[in-house]
C-alpha atoms as a PDB file:
ATOM      1  CA  MET A   1      -8.935  -4.361 -17.872  1.00  0.00           C
ATOM      2  CA  THR A   2      -8.332  -7.206 -20.345  1.00  0.00           C
ATOM      3  CA  SER A   3      -7.363 -10.390 -18.947  1.00  0.00           C
ATOM      4  CA  GLY A   4      -4.189 -11.834 -20.491  1.00  0.00           C
ATOM      5  CA  VAL A   5      -2.259  -8.565 -21.704  1.00  0.00           C
ATOM      6  CA  ARG A   6       0.847  -6.960 -20.460  1.00  0.00           C
ATOM      7  CA  HIS A   7       1.252  -4.288 -18.862  1.00  0.00           C
ATOM      8  CA  ARG A   8       3.876  -1.838 -19.717  1.00  0.00           C
ATOM      9  CA  LEU A   9       5.082  -0.004 -16.066  1.00  0.00           C
ATOM     10  CA  SER A  10       7.299   1.906 -14.726  1.00  0.00           C
ATOM     11  CA  ILE A  11       7.614   1.491 -10.985  1.00  0.00           C
ATOM     12  CA  PHE A  12       8.844   3.460  -7.388  1.00  0.00           C
ATOM     13  CA  PRO A  13       9.629   1.123  -5.497  1.00  0.00           C
ATOM     14  CA  LEU A  14       9.046   2.544  -1.496  1.00  0.00           C
ATOM     15  CA  ALA A  15       9.484   0.518   1.549  1.00  0.00           C
ATOM     16  CA  GLY A  16       5.902   0.790   3.314  1.00  0.00           C
ATOM     17  CA  ALA A  17       3.887   3.008   1.340  1.00  0.00           C
ATOM     18  CA  LEU A  18       1.063   0.825   0.495  1.00  0.00           C
ATOM     19  CA  LEU A  19      -1.555   1.307  -2.006  1.00  0.00           C
ATOM     20  CA  PHE A  20      -4.915   0.251  -2.466  1.00  0.00           C
ATOM     21  CA  PRO A  21      -7.574   0.153  -4.615  1.00  0.00           C
ATOM     22  CA  ARG A  22      -9.705   3.282  -4.216  1.00  0.00           C
ATOM     23  CA  THR A  23      -7.057   4.664  -1.548  1.00  0.00           C
ATOM     24  CA  GLN A  24      -4.591   8.087  -1.684  1.00  0.00           C
ATOM     25  CA  LEU A  25      -0.854   8.226  -1.442  1.00  0.00           C
ATOM     26  CA  PRO A  26       0.772  11.562  -1.086  1.00  0.00           C
ATOM     27  CA  LEU A  27       4.409  10.929  -2.250  1.00  0.00           C
ATOM     28  CA  HIS A  28       7.189  13.727  -1.937  1.00  0.00           C
ATOM     29  CA  LEU A  29      10.129  12.607  -4.978  1.00  0.00           C
ATOM     30  CA  PHE A  30      13.039  14.751  -4.678  1.00  0.00           C
ATOM     31  CA  GLU A  31      15.107  11.684  -6.333  1.00  0.00           C
ATOM     32  CA  PRO A  32      16.373  12.601  -9.804  1.00  0.00           C
ATOM     33  CA  ARG A  33      15.364   8.991 -11.351  1.00  0.00           C
ATOM     34  CA  TYR A  34      12.113   9.280  -9.590  1.00  0.00           C
ATOM     35  CA  ARG A  35      11.605  13.246 -10.821  1.00  0.00           C
ATOM     36  CA  ALA A  36      12.501  11.600 -13.808  1.00  0.00           C
ATOM     37  CA  LEU A  37      10.008   8.976 -13.450  1.00  0.00           C
ATOM     38  CA  ILE A  38       6.913  11.321 -12.654  1.00  0.00           C
ATOM     39  CA  THR A  39       8.186  13.826 -16.027  1.00  0.00           C
ATOM     40  CA  ASP A  40       7.716  10.688 -17.984  1.00  0.00           C
ATOM     41  CA  ALA A  41       3.811   9.845 -16.122  1.00  0.00           C
ATOM     42  CA  LEU A  42       2.678  13.527 -16.380  1.00  0.00           C
ATOM     43  CA  ALA A  43       3.762  12.892 -20.523  1.00  0.00           C
ATOM     44  CA  ARG A  44       1.738  10.219 -21.186  1.00  0.00           C
ATOM     45  CA  ASP A  45      -1.014   8.381 -18.844  1.00  0.00           C
ATOM     46  CA  ARG A  46      -0.049   9.216 -15.543  1.00  0.00           C
ATOM     47  CA  ARG A  47       0.132   6.337 -14.260  1.00  0.00           C
ATOM     48  CA  ILE A  48       2.703   4.919 -11.793  1.00  0.00           C
ATOM     49  CA  GLY A  49       3.692   1.258 -10.475  1.00  0.00           C
ATOM     50  CA  MET A  50       3.747   1.725  -6.449  1.00  0.00           C
ATOM     51  CA  ILE A  51       5.601  -1.760  -4.808  1.00  0.00           C
ATOM     52  CA  GLN A  52       7.531  -2.617  -2.391  1.00  0.00           C
ATOM     53  CA  PRO A  53      11.689  -3.413  -2.620  1.00  0.00           C
ATOM     54  CA  ARG A  54      12.980  -6.359  -0.008  1.00  0.00           C
ATOM     55  CA  GLU A  55      15.767  -4.600   0.600  1.00  0.00           C
ATOM     56  CA  SER A  56      16.467  -1.870   1.965  1.00  0.00           C
ATOM     57  CA  ASP A  57      19.840  -1.266   1.464  1.00  0.00           C
ATOM     58  CA  ASP A  58      20.722  -1.453  -2.015  1.00  0.00           C
ATOM     59  CA  ARG A  59      20.040   0.883  -5.127  1.00  0.00           C
ATOM     60  CA  ARG A  60      18.093  -1.616  -7.460  1.00  0.00           C
ATOM     61  CA  PRO A  61      17.391  -3.910  -5.131  1.00  0.00           C
ATOM     62  CA  ALA A  62      15.064  -7.361  -5.713  1.00  0.00           C
ATOM     63  CA  LEU A  63      11.428  -6.599  -5.392  1.00  0.00           C
ATOM     64  CA  TYR A  64       8.256  -8.060  -4.584  1.00  0.00           C
ATOM     65  CA  ASP A  65       6.044  -9.916  -7.100  1.00  0.00           C
ATOM     66  CA  VAL A  66       3.101  -7.601  -6.895  1.00  0.00           C
ATOM     67  CA  GLY A  67       2.014  -3.669  -6.118  1.00  0.00           C
ATOM     68  CA  CYS A  68      -0.242  -1.505  -7.076  1.00  0.00           C
ATOM     69  CA  VAL A  69      -0.616   0.742 -10.060  1.00  0.00           C
ATOM     70  CA  GLY A  70      -1.611   4.503  -9.411  1.00  0.00           C
ATOM     71  CA  ARG A  71      -2.533   7.254 -11.527  1.00  0.00           C
ATOM     72  CA  ILE A  72      -1.254  10.584  -9.862  1.00  0.00           C
ATOM     73  CA  ALA A  73      -4.645  12.631  -9.191  1.00  0.00           C
ATOM     74  CA  GLN A  74      -2.780  15.524  -8.482  1.00  0.00           C
ATOM     75  CA  PHE A  75       0.504  16.841  -8.318  1.00  0.00           C
ATOM     76  CA  GLU A  76       2.736  19.889  -8.045  1.00  0.00           C
ATOM     77  CA  ALA A  77       5.860  20.681  -9.213  1.00  0.00           C
ATOM     78  CA  LEU A  78       8.250  22.706  -7.089  1.00  0.00           C
ATOM     79  CA  ASP A  79      10.969  25.770  -8.303  1.00  0.00           C
ATOM     80  CA  ASP A  80      14.255  22.845  -7.353  1.00  0.00           C
ATOM     81  CA  GLY A  81      12.671  20.031  -9.542  1.00  0.00           C
ATOM     82  CA  ARG A  82      11.028  18.023  -6.541  1.00  0.00           C
ATOM     83  CA  PHE A  83       8.093  16.603  -6.835  1.00  0.00           C
ATOM     84  CA  ASN A  84       4.969  16.758  -4.193  1.00  0.00           C
ATOM     85  CA  ILE A  85       1.817  13.912  -6.180  1.00  0.00           C
ATOM     86  CA  VAL A  86      -1.465  12.826  -4.992  1.00  0.00           C
ATOM     87  CA  LEU A  87      -1.548   8.196  -6.216  1.00  0.00           C
ATOM     88  CA  GLU A  88      -4.887   7.615  -6.018  1.00  0.00           C
ATOM     89  CA  GLY A  89      -4.754   3.782  -6.636  1.00  0.00           C
ATOM     90  CA  LEU A  90      -6.570   1.422  -9.410  1.00  0.00           C
ATOM     91  CA  THR A  91      -5.533  -2.081  -9.088  1.00  0.00           C
ATOM     92  CA  ARG A  92      -3.191  -4.214  -7.863  1.00  0.00           C
ATOM     93  CA  PHE A  93      -0.614  -6.211 -10.479  1.00  0.00           C
ATOM     94  CA  ARG A  94       1.846  -8.853 -10.712  1.00  0.00           C
ATOM     95  CA  ILE A  95       5.772  -8.658 -11.895  1.00  0.00           C
ATOM     96  CA  LEU A  96       6.380 -10.388 -14.844  1.00  0.00           C
ATOM     97  CA  ASN A  97       9.368  -9.568 -15.779  1.00  0.00           C
ATOM     98  CA  GLU A  98      12.064  -6.866 -15.154  1.00  0.00           C
ATOM     99  CA  LEU A  99      12.543  -4.900 -18.189  1.00  0.00           C
ATOM    100  CA  ASP A 100      15.601  -3.339 -19.509  1.00  0.00           C
ATOM    101  CA  VAL A 101      15.444  -0.147 -19.831  1.00  0.00           C
ATOM    102  CA  THR A 102      17.521   3.310 -19.994  1.00  0.00           C
ATOM    103  CA  THR A 103      15.432   5.099 -18.090  1.00  0.00           C
ATOM    104  CA  PRO A 104      16.462   6.337 -14.685  1.00  0.00           C
ATOM    105  CA  PHE A 105      13.635   4.600 -13.057  1.00  0.00           C
ATOM    106  CA  ARG A 106      12.957   0.817 -13.638  1.00  0.00           C
ATOM    107  CA  GLN A 107      10.131  -0.751 -15.725  1.00  0.00           C
ATOM    108  CA  VAL A 108       8.388  -3.874 -15.794  1.00  0.00           C
ATOM    109  CA  GLN A 109       5.810  -6.417 -17.739  1.00  0.00           C
ATOM    110  CA  ALA A 110       2.994  -6.470 -15.353  1.00  0.00           C
ATOM    111  CA  SER A 111      -0.389  -8.546 -15.211  1.00  0.00           C
ATOM    112  CA  PHE A 112      -3.610  -7.422 -13.390  1.00  0.00           C
ATOM    113  CA  ASP A 113      -5.201 -10.785 -13.905  1.00  0.00           C
ATOM    114  CA  ASP A 114      -5.139 -11.617 -10.607  1.00  0.00           C
ATOM    115  CA  TYR A 115      -7.298  -8.633  -8.157  1.00  0.00           C
ATOM    116  CA  ASP A 116     -10.678  -8.414  -8.402  1.00  0.00           C
ATOM    117  CA  ASP A 117      -9.782  -4.960  -7.578  1.00  0.00           C
ATOM    118  CA  LEU A 118     -12.995  -2.867  -9.299  1.00  0.00           C
ATOM    119  CA  ALA A 119     -15.795  -4.723  -7.805  1.00  0.00           C
ATOM    120  CA  ASP A 120     -16.948  -3.448  -5.016  1.00  0.00           C
ATOM    121  CA  PRO A 121     -15.634  -5.358  -2.020  1.00  0.00           C
ATOM    122  CA  ASP A 122     -17.876  -7.656   0.201  1.00  0.00           C
ATOM    123  CA  PRO A 123     -18.781  -5.955   3.423  1.00  0.00           C
ATOM    124  CA  LEU A 124     -17.037  -7.142   6.916  1.00  0.00           C
ATOM    125  CA  ALA A 125     -19.122  -9.034   9.468  1.00  0.00           C
ATOM    126  CA  SER A 126     -19.898  -7.144  12.227  1.00  0.00           C
ATOM    127  CA  VAL A 127     -17.976  -9.040  14.529  1.00  0.00           C
ATOM    128  CA  LEU A 128     -14.323  -8.451  12.791  1.00  0.00           C
ATOM    129  CA  ARG A 129     -15.301  -5.033  12.837  1.00  0.00           C
ATOM    130  CA  ALA A 130     -15.637  -4.847  16.239  1.00  0.00           C
ATOM    131  CA  ASP A 131     -12.881  -6.975  16.805  1.00  0.00           C
ATOM    132  CA  LEU A 132     -10.966  -4.355  14.268  1.00  0.00           C
ATOM    133  CA  GLU A 133     -11.738  -1.189  16.134  1.00  0.00           C
ATOM    134  CA  ARG A 134     -11.505  -2.737  19.545  1.00  0.00           C
ATOM    135  CA  GLU A 135      -7.363  -4.050  18.760  1.00  0.00           C
ATOM    136  CA  SER A 136      -6.970  -0.689  16.836  1.00  0.00           C
ATOM    137  CA  ARG A 137      -7.411   1.581  20.191  1.00  0.00           C
ATOM    138  CA  ARG A 138      -5.473  -1.312  21.876  1.00  0.00           C
ATOM    139  CA  PHE A 139      -2.738  -0.666  19.752  1.00  0.00           C
ATOM    140  CA  ALA A 140      -2.099   2.961  19.318  1.00  0.00           C
ATOM    141  CA  ASP A 141      -3.088   3.153  23.077  1.00  0.00           C
ATOM    142  CA  SER A 142       0.070   1.364  24.143  1.00  0.00           C
ATOM    143  CA  ARG A 143       1.925   3.099  21.341  1.00  0.00           C
ATOM    144  CA  GLY A 144       0.304   6.560  22.759  1.00  0.00           C
ATOM    145  CA  TYR A 145      -1.281   7.407  19.897  1.00  0.00           C
ATOM    146  CA  GLN A 146      -4.378   9.665  19.581  1.00  0.00           C
ATOM    147  CA  LEU A 147      -7.364   9.234  17.347  1.00  0.00           C
ATOM    148  CA  ASP A 148     -10.077  10.377  17.232  1.00  0.00           C
ATOM    149  CA  TRP A 149     -12.220   7.716  17.463  1.00  0.00           C
ATOM    150  CA  ASP A 150     -15.924   8.721  16.702  1.00  0.00           C
ATOM    151  CA  ALA A 151     -14.090   9.630  13.229  1.00  0.00           C
ATOM    152  CA  VAL A 152     -12.649   5.966  13.229  1.00  0.00           C
ATOM    153  CA  ALA A 153     -15.452   4.421  13.694  1.00  0.00           C
ATOM    154  CA  ARG A 154     -17.187   6.337  10.747  1.00  0.00           C
ATOM    155  CA  LEU A 155     -15.401   4.712   8.027  1.00  0.00           C
ATOM    156  CA  ASP A 156     -17.112   2.562   5.750  1.00  0.00           C
ATOM    157  CA  ASP A 157     -15.397  -1.137   6.333  1.00  0.00           C
ATOM    158  CA  GLU A 158     -13.289  -0.065   2.876  1.00  0.00           C
ATOM    159  CA  ALA A 159     -12.148   2.812   4.081  1.00  0.00           C
ATOM    160  CA  LEU A 160     -11.025   1.755   7.891  1.00  0.00           C
ATOM    161  CA  VAL A 161      -8.567  -1.735   6.905  1.00  0.00           C
ATOM    162  CA  ASN A 162      -7.275   0.168   4.033  1.00  0.00           C
ATOM    163  CA  GLY A 163      -6.003   3.049   6.344  1.00  0.00           C
ATOM    164  CA  ILE A 164      -5.092   0.677   9.118  1.00  0.00           C
ATOM    165  CA  ALA A 165      -3.078  -0.678   6.201  1.00  0.00           C
ATOM    166  CA  GLN A 166      -0.719   2.100   5.287  1.00  0.00           C
ATOM    167  CA  ILE A 167      -0.288   3.861   9.032  1.00  0.00           C
ATOM    168  CA  ALA A 168       0.706   0.571  10.608  1.00  0.00           C
ATOM    169  CA  PRO A 169       4.198   0.062  11.523  1.00  0.00           C
ATOM    170  CA  PHE A 170       3.797  -2.805  10.703  1.00  0.00           C
ATOM    171  CA  ASP A 171       6.984  -4.644   9.054  1.00  0.00           C
ATOM    172  CA  THR A 172       7.905  -4.495   5.142  1.00  0.00           C
ATOM    173  CA  ALA A 173       7.141  -7.966   5.230  1.00  0.00           C
ATOM    174  CA  ALA A 174       3.636  -8.062   7.588  1.00  0.00           C
ATOM    175  CA  LYS A 175       2.691  -4.728   4.757  1.00  0.00           C
ATOM    176  CA  GLN A 176       3.190  -7.209   2.209  1.00  0.00           C
ATOM    177  CA  ALA A 177       1.111  -9.689   3.281  1.00  0.00           C
ATOM    178  CA  LEU A 178      -1.752  -7.206   3.497  1.00  0.00           C
ATOM    179  CA  LEU A 179      -1.368  -6.168  -0.159  1.00  0.00           C
ATOM    180  CA  GLU A 180      -1.857  -9.129  -1.255  1.00  0.00           C
ATOM    181  CA  ALA A 181      -4.477 -10.073   0.918  1.00  0.00           C
ATOM    182  CA  ARG A 182      -6.852 -11.682  -1.761  1.00  0.00           C
ATOM    183  CA  ASN A 183      -9.942  -9.494   0.212  1.00  0.00           C
ATOM    184  CA  ILE A 184     -10.596  -6.705   3.078  1.00  0.00           C
ATOM    185  CA  VAL A 185     -12.291  -9.344   4.302  1.00  0.00           C
ATOM    186  CA  ASP A 186      -9.034 -11.350   4.908  1.00  0.00           C
ATOM    187  CA  ARG A 187      -7.248  -8.138   4.818  1.00  0.00           C
ATOM    188  CA  ALA A 188      -9.308  -6.973   8.666  1.00  0.00           C
ATOM    189  CA  ASP A 189      -7.799 -10.675   9.411  1.00  0.00           C
ATOM    190  CA  LEU A 190      -4.502 -10.305   9.085  1.00  0.00           C
ATOM    191  CA  ILE A 191      -4.479  -6.828  10.370  1.00  0.00           C
ATOM    192  CA  VAL A 192      -5.988  -7.951  13.769  1.00  0.00           C
ATOM    193  CA  GLN A 193      -3.698 -10.792  14.248  1.00  0.00           C
ATOM    194  CA  PHE A 194      -0.502  -8.599  13.270  1.00  0.00           C
ATOM    195  CA  LEU A 195      -2.173  -5.425  15.855  1.00  0.00           C
ATOM    196  CA  LEU A 196      -2.254  -7.851  18.799  1.00  0.00           C
ATOM    197  CA  PHE A 197       0.726  -9.681  17.776  1.00  0.00           C
ATOM    198  CA  PHE A 198       3.128  -6.433  17.354  1.00  0.00           C
ATOM    199  CA  ARG A 199       1.253  -4.686  20.657  1.00  0.00           C
ATOM    200  CA  LEU A 200       2.446  -8.240  22.337  1.00  0.00           C
ATOM    201  CA  ARG A 201       6.191  -7.788  21.149  1.00  0.00           C
ATOM    202  CA  ASP A 202       6.297  -4.559  22.845  1.00  0.00           C
ATOM    203  CA  GLY A 203       5.534  -6.028  25.918  1.00  0.00           C
ATOM    204  CA  ASP A 204       1.630  -5.047  26.163  1.00  0.00           C
ATOM    205  CA  ASP A 205       1.087  -8.659  27.704  1.00  0.00           C
ATOM    206  CA  ASP A 206      -2.035  -7.443  29.176  1.00  0.00           C
ATOM    207  CA  ASP A 207      -4.202 -10.811  26.850  1.00  0.00           C
ATOM    208  CA  ALA A 208      -2.885 -14.643  26.270  1.00  0.00           C
ATOM    209  CA  THR A 209       0.193 -14.535  23.885  1.00  0.00           C
ATOM    210  CA  MET A 210      -0.646 -15.859  20.490  1.00  0.00           C
ATOM    211  CA  GLN A 211      -0.994 -19.339  19.654  1.00  0.00           C
END
């Protein structure tokens, strides 16, 4: 993607819903403004900018600066106007400014220059991979989650790291930190810290507290 270019994006603000390059995110769209967003995207380039709002109780909330562009890879138009879609992550973006538009959905000008999301990610060091799997299991056990750990162990590094980042029940600020991490090595390290922190915060104090 060309450096220095401003891209016009229609955005879907949704707290806790992270999209990463090369991952998929299923969504159910029912609000009229987001049904209009999907209809518009399907008529153009199928791209949508997923981004988290900073507040949850405002119809037009302030937004975080960084999100991820997704392409509609699959869609199902329901009889009542709702949509089921699957977004495929392309690249992260940074909002430069919000546009004054008449559409019911919000639009921004964005830059793709901050992140090199087209390059193959660096592999995790074996120690970090082991830490990530261990803390994921401890966190899941503390919450009573049942997972196929053999299947988890077979995931490649990027799928494992981004999969945990998508489904872990962290707060919005923690999710945003994971999205903005420079690469999967930094993201994996953050996940390990968050898994430990949130597990201990919720009362599982088998380990020493974080310093």
